[in-house]
PDB file of N, CA and C in Angstrom:
ATOM      1  N   MET A   1     -85.849 110.033-104.231  1.00  0.00           N
ATOM      2  CA  MET A   1     -85.097 109.401-105.514  1.00  0.00           C
ATOM      3  C   MET A   1     -85.569 107.820-105.785  1.00  0.00           C
ATOM      4  N   ASN A   2     -85.763 107.122-104.768  1.00  0.00           N
ATOM      5  CA  ASN A   2     -85.918 105.956-104.882  1.00  0.00           C
ATOM      6  C   ASN A   2     -87.252 105.501-105.433  1.00  0.00           C
ATOM      7  N   GLN A   3     -88.121 106.636-105.366  1.00  0.00           N
ATOM      8  CA  GLN A   3     -89.389 106.328-105.975  1.00  0.00           C
ATOM      9  C   GLN A   3     -89.501 106.428-107.567  1.00  0.00           C
ATOM     10  N   ILE A   4     -88.442 107.201-108.062  1.00  0.00           N
ATOM     11  CA  ILE A   4     -88.616 107.276-109.359  1.00  0.00           C
ATOM     12  C   ILE A   4     -87.716 106.204-109.821  1.00  0.00           C
ATOM     13  N   THR A   5     -86.512 105.548-109.184  1.00  0.00           N
ATOM     14  CA  THR A   5     -86.393 104.460-109.513  1.00  0.00           C
ATOM     15  C   THR A   5     -87.172 103.188-109.748  1.00  0.00           C
ATOM     16  N   ASP A   6     -87.780 103.170-108.677  1.00  0.00           N
ATOM     17  CA  ASP A   6     -88.753 101.943-108.646  1.00  0.00           C
ATOM     18  C   ASP A   6     -89.813 101.985-109.569  1.00  0.00           C
ATOM     19  N   PHE A   7     -90.236 103.264-109.926  1.00  0.00           N
ATOM     20  CA  PHE A   7     -91.015 103.512-110.927  1.00  0.00           C
ATOM     21  C   PHE A   7     -90.717 103.323-112.401  1.00  0.00           C
ATOM     22  N   GLU A   8     -89.356 103.577-112.676  1.00  0.00           N
ATOM     23  CA  GLU A   8     -88.587 103.239-113.644  1.00  0.00           C
ATOM     24  C   GLU A   8     -88.340 101.732-113.875  1.00  0.00           C
ATOM     25  N   MET A   9     -88.251 101.083-112.857  1.00  0.00           N
ATOM     26  CA  MET A   9     -87.910  99.465-113.089  1.00  0.00           C
ATOM     27  C   MET A   9     -89.414  98.778-113.415  1.00  0.00           C
ATOM     28  N   GLU A  10     -90.466  99.439-112.705  1.00  0.00           N
ATOM     29  CA  GLU A  10     -92.048  98.819-113.028  1.00  0.00           C
ATOM     30  C   GLU A  10     -92.372  99.221-114.253  1.00  0.00           C
ATOM     31  N   ALA A  11     -92.094 100.071-114.613  1.00  0.00           N
ATOM     32  CA  ALA A  11     -92.305 100.836-116.129  1.00  0.00           C
ATOM     33  C   ALA A  11     -91.267  99.837-117.309  1.00  0.00           C
ATOM     34  N   GLU A  12     -90.240  99.547-116.832  1.00  0.00           N
ATOM     35  CA  GLU A  12     -89.371  98.651-117.730  1.00  0.00           C
ATOM     36  C   GLU A  12     -89.787  97.194-117.694  1.00  0.00           C
ATOM     37  N   ASP A  13     -90.292  96.691-116.412  1.00  0.00           N
ATOM     38  CA  ASP A  13     -91.170  95.246-116.409  1.00  0.00           C
ATOM     39  C   ASP A  13     -92.341  95.285-117.337  1.00  0.00           C
ATOM     40  N   VAL A  14     -92.931  96.250-117.292  1.00  0.00           N
ATOM     41  CA  VAL A  14     -94.340  96.393-118.115  1.00  0.00           C
ATOM     42  C   VAL A  14     -93.787  96.081-119.612  1.00  0.00           C
ATOM     43  N   LEU A  15     -92.811  97.179-120.014  1.00  0.00           N
ATOM     44  CA  LEU A  15     -92.484  97.198-121.404  1.00  0.00           C
ATOM     45  C   LEU A  15     -91.898  95.843-121.806  1.00  0.00           C
ATOM     46  N   ARG A  16     -91.146  95.141-120.959  1.00  0.00           N
ATOM     47  CA  ARG A  16     -90.500  93.674-121.367  1.00  0.00           C
ATOM     48  C   ARG A  16     -91.698  92.758-121.312  1.00  0.00           C
ATOM     49  N   ALA A  17     -92.937  92.841-120.508  1.00  0.00           N
ATOM     50  CA  ALA A  17     -93.860  91.748-120.616  1.00  0.00           C
ATOM     51  C   ALA A  17     -94.462  92.223-121.864  1.00  0.00           C
ATOM     52  N   GLU A  18     -94.873  93.351-122.319  1.00  0.00           N
ATOM     53  CA  GLU A  18     -95.483  93.715-123.576  1.00  0.00           C
ATOM     54  C   GLU A  18     -94.681  93.301-124.613  1.00  0.00           C
ATOM     55  N   LEU A  19     -93.373  93.532-124.602  1.00  0.00           N
ATOM     56  CA  LEU A  19     -92.454  92.994-125.639  1.00  0.00           C
ATOM     57  C   LEU A  19     -92.800  91.600-125.857  1.00  0.00           C
ATOM     58  N   GLU A  20     -92.902  90.688-125.019  1.00  0.00           N
ATOM     59  CA  GLU A  20     -92.850  89.177-124.984  1.00  0.00           C
ATOM     60  C   GLU A  20     -94.136  88.955-125.605  1.00  0.00           C
ATOM     61  N   VAL A  21     -95.296  89.549-125.368  1.00  0.00           N
ATOM     62  CA  VAL A  21     -96.668  89.419-125.938  1.00  0.00           C
ATOM     63  C   VAL A  21     -96.813  89.746-127.273  1.00  0.00           C
ATOM     64  N   PHE A  22     -95.842  90.686-127.787  1.00  0.00           N
ATOM     65  CA  PHE A  22     -96.048  91.060-128.935  1.00  0.00           C
ATOM     66  C   PHE A  22     -95.331  90.265-129.836  1.00  0.00           C
ATOM     67  N   ARG A  23     -94.141  89.879-129.359  1.00  0.00           N
ATOM     68  CA  ARG A  23     -93.312  88.830-130.118  1.00  0.00           C
ATOM     69  C   ARG A  23     -94.014  87.474-130.208  1.00  0.00           C
ATOM     70  N   GLN A  24     -94.728  86.936-129.198  1.00  0.00           N
ATOM     71  CA  GLN A  24     -95.561  85.775-129.432  1.00  0.00           C
ATOM     72  C   GLN A  24     -96.610  86.058-130.632  1.00  0.00           C
ATOM     73  N   GLU A  25     -97.340  87.009-130.511  1.00  0.00           N
ATOM     74  CA  GLU A  25     -98.278  87.317-131.315  1.00  0.00           C
ATOM     75  C   GLU A  25     -97.748  87.296-132.968  1.00  0.00           C
ATOM     76  N   HIS A  26     -96.643  87.893-132.958  1.00  0.00           N
ATOM     77  CA  HIS A  26     -95.945  88.292-134.259  1.00  0.00           C
ATOM     78  C   HIS A  26     -95.602  86.849-134.797  1.00  0.00           C
ATOM     79  N   ARG A  27     -94.988  85.804-133.836  1.00  0.00           N
ATOM     80  CA  ARG A  27     -94.668  84.482-134.234  1.00  0.00           C
ATOM     81  C   ARG A  27     -96.025  83.761-134.659  1.00  0.00           C
ATOM     82  N   ASP A  28     -97.205  83.919-133.856  1.00  0.00           N
ATOM     83  CA  ASP A  28     -98.319  83.328-133.982  1.00  0.00           C
ATOM     84  C   ASP A  28     -99.002  83.791-135.602  1.00  0.00           C
ATOM     85  N   LEU A  29     -98.729  84.692-135.818  1.00  0.00           N
ATOM     86  CA  LEU A  29     -99.418  85.733-137.166  1.00  0.00           C
ATOM     87  C   LEU A  29     -98.498  84.719-138.253  1.00  0.00           C
ATOM     88  N   ASP A  30     -97.135  84.560-138.076  1.00  0.00           N
ATOM     89  CA  ASP A  30     -96.438  84.170-138.940  1.00  0.00           C
ATOM     90  C   ASP A  30     -96.869  82.704-139.230  1.00  0.00           C
ATOM     91  N   ALA A  31     -97.111  82.062-138.301  1.00  0.00           N
ATOM     92  CA  ALA A  31     -97.526  80.510-138.617  1.00  0.00           C
ATOM     93  C   ALA A  31     -98.762  80.460-139.236  1.00  0.00           C
ATOM     94  N   ALA A  32     -99.766  81.359-139.014  1.00  0.00           N
ATOM     95  CA  ALA A  32    -100.914  81.336-139.377  1.00  0.00           C
ATOM     96  C   ALA A  32    -100.784  81.797-140.944  1.00  0.00           C
ATOM     97  N   ILE A  33    -100.004  82.758-141.277  1.00  0.00           N
ATOM     98  CA  ILE A  33     -99.808  82.998-142.775  1.00  0.00           C
ATOM     99  C   ILE A  33     -99.382  81.881-143.494  1.00  0.00           C
ATOM    100  N   VAL A  34     -98.485  81.402-142.840  1.00  0.00           N
ATOM    101  CA  VAL A  34     -97.577  79.927-143.436  1.00  0.00           C
ATOM    102  C   VAL A  34     -99.001  79.067-143.877  1.00  0.00           C
ATOM    103  N   ALA A  35     -99.645  78.906-142.672  1.00  0.00           N
ATOM    104  CA  ALA A  35    -100.777  77.819-142.701  1.00  0.00           C
ATOM    105  C   ALA A  35    -101.489  78.130-143.744  1.00  0.00           C
ATOM    106  N   LEU A  36    -102.083  79.584-144.064  1.00  0.00           N
ATOM    107  CA  LEU A  36    -103.019  79.757-144.728  1.00  0.00           C
ATOM    108  C   LEU A  36    -102.435  79.691-146.333  1.00  0.00           C
ATOM    109  N   ASN A  37    -101.107  80.163-146.447  1.00  0.00           N
ATOM    110  CA  ASN A  37    -100.638  80.056-147.932  1.00  0.00           C
ATOM    111  C   ASN A  37    -100.562  78.596-148.467  1.00  0.00           C
ATOM    112  N   GLU A  38    -100.224  77.634-147.601  1.00  0.00           N
ATOM    113  CA  GLU A  38    -100.326  76.214-147.823  1.00  0.00           C
ATOM    114  C   GLU A  38    -101.603  75.784-148.537  1.00  0.00           C
ATOM    115  N   LYS A  39    -102.534  76.240-147.945  1.00  0.00           N
ATOM    116  CA  LYS A  39    -103.861  75.867-148.711  1.00  0.00           C
ATOM    117  C   LYS A  39    -104.259  76.634-150.048  1.00  0.00           C
ATOM    118  N   ASN A  40    -104.760  76.148-150.671  1.00  0.00           N
ATOM    119  CA  ASN A  40    -105.143  76.721-152.091  1.00  0.00           C
ATOM    120  C   ASN A  40    -106.183  77.432-152.051  1.00  0.00           C
ATOM    121  N   THR A  41    -107.101  77.149-150.983  1.00  0.00           N
ATOM    122  CA  THR A  41    -108.312  77.937-150.789  1.00  0.00           C
ATOM    123  C   THR A  41    -107.961  79.138-149.873  1.00  0.00           C
ATOM    124  N   ALA A  42    -106.808  79.588-149.688  1.00  0.00           N
ATOM    125  CA  ALA A  42    -106.880  80.846-148.918  1.00  0.00           C
ATOM    126  C   ALA A  42    -107.216  82.210-149.459  1.00  0.00           C
ATOM    127  N   ASP A  43    -107.952  82.966-148.374  1.00  0.00           N
ATOM    128  CA  ASP A  43    -108.576  84.177-148.799  1.00  0.00           C
ATOM    129  C   ASP A  43    -107.321  85.383-148.721  1.00  0.00           C
ATOM    130  N   GLN A  44    -106.994  85.797-150.193  1.00  0.00           N
ATOM    131  CA  GLN A  44    -105.881  86.780-150.081  1.00  0.00           C
ATOM    132  C   GLN A  44    -106.088  87.833-149.140  1.00  0.00           C
ATOM    133  N   LEU A  45    -107.059  88.329-148.993  1.00  0.00           N
ATOM    134  CA  LEU A  45    -107.500  89.771-148.305  1.00  0.00           C
ATOM    135  C   LEU A  45    -107.147  89.115-146.959  1.00  0.00           C
ATOM    136  N   THR A  46    -107.701  88.155-146.363  1.00  0.00           N
ATOM    137  CA  THR A  46    -107.263  87.672-144.881  1.00  0.00           C
ATOM    138  C   THR A  46    -105.516  87.611-144.671  1.00  0.00           C
ATOM    139  N   ILE A  47    -104.972  87.114-145.674  1.00  0.00           N
ATOM    140  CA  ILE A  47    -103.659  87.010-145.484  1.00  0.00           C
ATOM    141  C   ILE A  47    -102.893  88.406-145.509  1.00  0.00           C
ATOM    142  N   GLN A  48    -103.297  89.282-146.483  1.00  0.00           N
ATOM    143  CA  GLN A  48    -102.975  90.561-146.380  1.00  0.00           C
ATOM    144  C   GLN A  48    -103.249  91.226-145.178  1.00  0.00           C
ATOM    145  N   ARG A  49    -104.278  91.069-144.543  1.00  0.00           N
ATOM    146  CA  ARG A  49    -104.647  91.741-143.122  1.00  0.00           C
ATOM    147  C   ARG A  49    -103.657  91.164-142.359  1.00  0.00           C
ATOM    148  N   LEU A  50    -103.432  89.796-142.137  1.00  0.00           N
ATOM    149  CA  LEU A  50    -102.409  89.291-141.185  1.00  0.00           C
ATOM    150  C   LEU A  50    -101.195  89.959-141.278  1.00  0.00           C
ATOM    151  N   LYS A  51    -100.731  90.116-142.808  1.00  0.00           N
ATOM    152  CA  LYS A  51     -99.284  90.395-142.876  1.00  0.00           C
ATOM    153  C   LYS A  51     -99.102  92.058-142.358  1.00  0.00           C
ATOM    154  N   LYS A  52    -100.398  92.832-142.727  1.00  0.00           N
ATOM    155  CA  LYS A  52    -100.180  94.128-142.100  1.00  0.00           C
ATOM    156  C   LYS A  52    -100.378  94.322-140.684  1.00  0.00           C
ATOM    157  N   ARG A  53    -101.053  93.416-140.032  1.00  0.00           N
ATOM    158  CA  ARG A  53    -101.003  93.537-138.481  1.00  0.00           C
ATOM    159  C   ARG A  53     -99.454  92.951-138.048  1.00  0.00           C
ATOM    160  N   LYS A  54     -99.099  92.017-138.617  1.00  0.00           N
ATOM    161  CA  LYS A  54     -97.422  91.460-138.420  1.00  0.00           C
ATOM    162  C   LYS A  54     -96.683  92.705-138.582  1.00  0.00           C
ATOM    163  N   LEU A  55     -96.753  93.333-139.309  1.00  0.00           N
ATOM    164  CA  LEU A  55     -95.872  94.651-139.715  1.00  0.00           C
ATOM    165  C   LEU A  55     -95.922  95.604-138.722  1.00  0.00           C
ATOM    166  N   GLN A  56     -97.064  95.791-138.199  1.00  0.00           N
ATOM    167  CA  GLN A  56     -97.693  96.960-137.117  1.00  0.00           C
ATOM    168  C   GLN A  56     -96.806  96.251-135.994  1.00  0.00           C
ATOM    169  N   LEU A  57     -97.030  94.970-135.541  1.00  0.00           N
ATOM    170  CA  LEU A  57     -96.230  94.366-134.486  1.00  0.00           C
ATOM    171  C   LEU A  57     -94.854  94.439-134.373  1.00  0.00           C
ATOM    172  N   LYS A  58     -94.370  94.219-135.650  1.00  0.00           N
ATOM    173  CA  LYS A  58     -92.821  94.481-135.871  1.00  0.00           C
ATOM    174  C   LYS A  58     -92.298  95.939-135.532  1.00  0.00           C
ATOM    175  N   ASP A  59     -93.119  96.832-135.726  1.00  0.00           N
ATOM    176  CA  ASP A  59     -92.760  98.189-135.520  1.00  0.00           C
ATOM    177  C   ASP A  59     -92.909  98.430-133.838  1.00  0.00           C
ATOM    178  N   LYS A  60     -93.957  98.057-133.278  1.00  0.00           N
ATOM    179  CA  LYS A  60     -94.240  97.907-131.990  1.00  0.00           C
ATOM    180  C   LYS A  60     -92.950  97.393-131.292  1.00  0.00           C
ATOM    181  N   ILE A  61     -92.494  96.286-131.857  1.00  0.00           N
ATOM    182  CA  ILE A  61     -91.571  95.621-131.027  1.00  0.00           C
ATOM    183  C   ILE A  61     -90.246  96.424-131.276  1.00  0.00           C
ATOM    184  N   SER A  62     -89.961  97.000-132.324  1.00  0.00           N
ATOM    185  CA  SER A  62     -88.651  97.655-132.651  1.00  0.00           C
ATOM    186  C   SER A  62     -88.891  98.986-131.771  1.00  0.00           C
ATOM    187  N   GLN A  63     -89.854  99.480-131.382  1.00  0.00           N
ATOM    188  CA  GLN A  63     -89.885 100.978-130.762  1.00  0.00           C
ATOM    189  C   GLN A  63     -89.633 100.473-129.244  1.00  0.00           C
ATOM    190  N   ILE A  64     -90.340  99.440-128.561  1.00  0.00           N
ATOM    191  CA  ILE A  64     -90.129  98.946-127.235  1.00  0.00           C
ATOM    192  C   ILE A  64     -88.648  98.601-127.035  1.00  0.00           C
ATOM    193  N   GLU A  65     -87.894  97.812-127.882  1.00  0.00           N
ATOM    194  CA  GLU A  65     -86.687  97.295-127.986  1.00  0.00           C
ATOM    195  C   GLU A  65     -85.791  98.605-127.856  1.00  0.00           C
ATOM    196  N   GLU A  66     -86.321  99.644-128.749  1.00  0.00           N
ATOM    197  CA  GLU A  66     -85.324 100.945-128.616  1.00  0.00           C
ATOM    198  C   GLU A  66     -85.528 101.681-127.258  1.00  0.00           C
ATOM    199  N   LEU A  67     -86.528 101.493-126.623  1.00  0.00           N
ATOM    200  CA  LEU A  67     -86.801 102.179-125.360  1.00  0.00           C
ATOM    201  C   LEU A  67     -85.801 101.326-124.164  1.00  0.00           C
ATOM    202  N   LEU A  68     -85.843 100.055-124.258  1.00  0.00           N
ATOM    203  CA  LEU A  68     -84.974  99.180-123.326  1.00  0.00           C
ATOM    204  C   LEU A  68     -83.634  99.222-123.603  1.00  0.00           C
ATOM    205  N   THR A  69     -83.082  99.487-124.790  1.00  0.00           N
ATOM    206  CA  THR A  69     -81.896  99.508-124.948  1.00  0.00           C
ATOM    207  C   THR A  69     -81.133 100.722-124.522  1.00  0.00           C
ATOM    208  N   PRO A  70     -80.457 100.984-123.374  1.00  0.00           N
ATOM    209  CA  PRO A  70     -79.817 102.094-123.104  1.00  0.00           C
ATOM    210  C   PRO A  70     -78.740 102.818-124.203  1.00  0.00           C
ATOM    211  N   ASP A  71     -78.870 104.133-124.142  1.00  0.00           N
ATOM    212  CA  ASP A  71     -77.943 104.824-124.922  1.00  0.00           C
ATOM    213  C   ASP A  71     -76.579 104.873-124.701  1.00  0.00           C
ATOM    214  N   ILE A  72     -75.723 104.276-125.664  1.00  0.00           N
ATOM    215  CA  ILE A  72     -74.417 104.157-125.323  1.00  0.00           C
ATOM    216  C   ILE A  72     -73.454 105.242-126.284  1.00  0.00           C
ATOM    217  N   ILE A  73     -72.727 105.790-125.766  1.00  0.00           N
ATOM    218  CA  ILE A  73     -71.857 106.920-126.527  1.00  0.00           C
ATOM    219  C   ILE A  73     -70.713 106.053-126.854  1.00  0.00           C
ATOM    220  N   ALA A  74     -70.503 106.068-128.045  1.00  0.00           N
ATOM    221  CA  ALA A  74     -69.205 105.271-128.663  1.00  0.00           C
ATOM    222  C   ALA A  74     -68.218 106.321-128.505  1.00  0.00           C
TER     223      ALA A  74
END
C-alpha cells in the first residue's frame, strides 16, 4: 500500500512541476503579446498564434489544478 502512496505522491510532484512550468510560459507569452502590441509593426498573425498558445496553456493549467484539488463534498 505504501508503493501506491509513494507513486501518487511522485505523480503529484510531477504535476506541480508541470503546473509551474506552464504558468511561467503563460506569463512569458502574456509579456510577449503586450510587447508586440506596443510596437506598431507587430505581425497580427504572430500575435494571434501566441494568444492561441496562451489559451491552450490556460486550459492545461486548469486541468492540472483540477487534478490537484481534492474533491470536497459539501
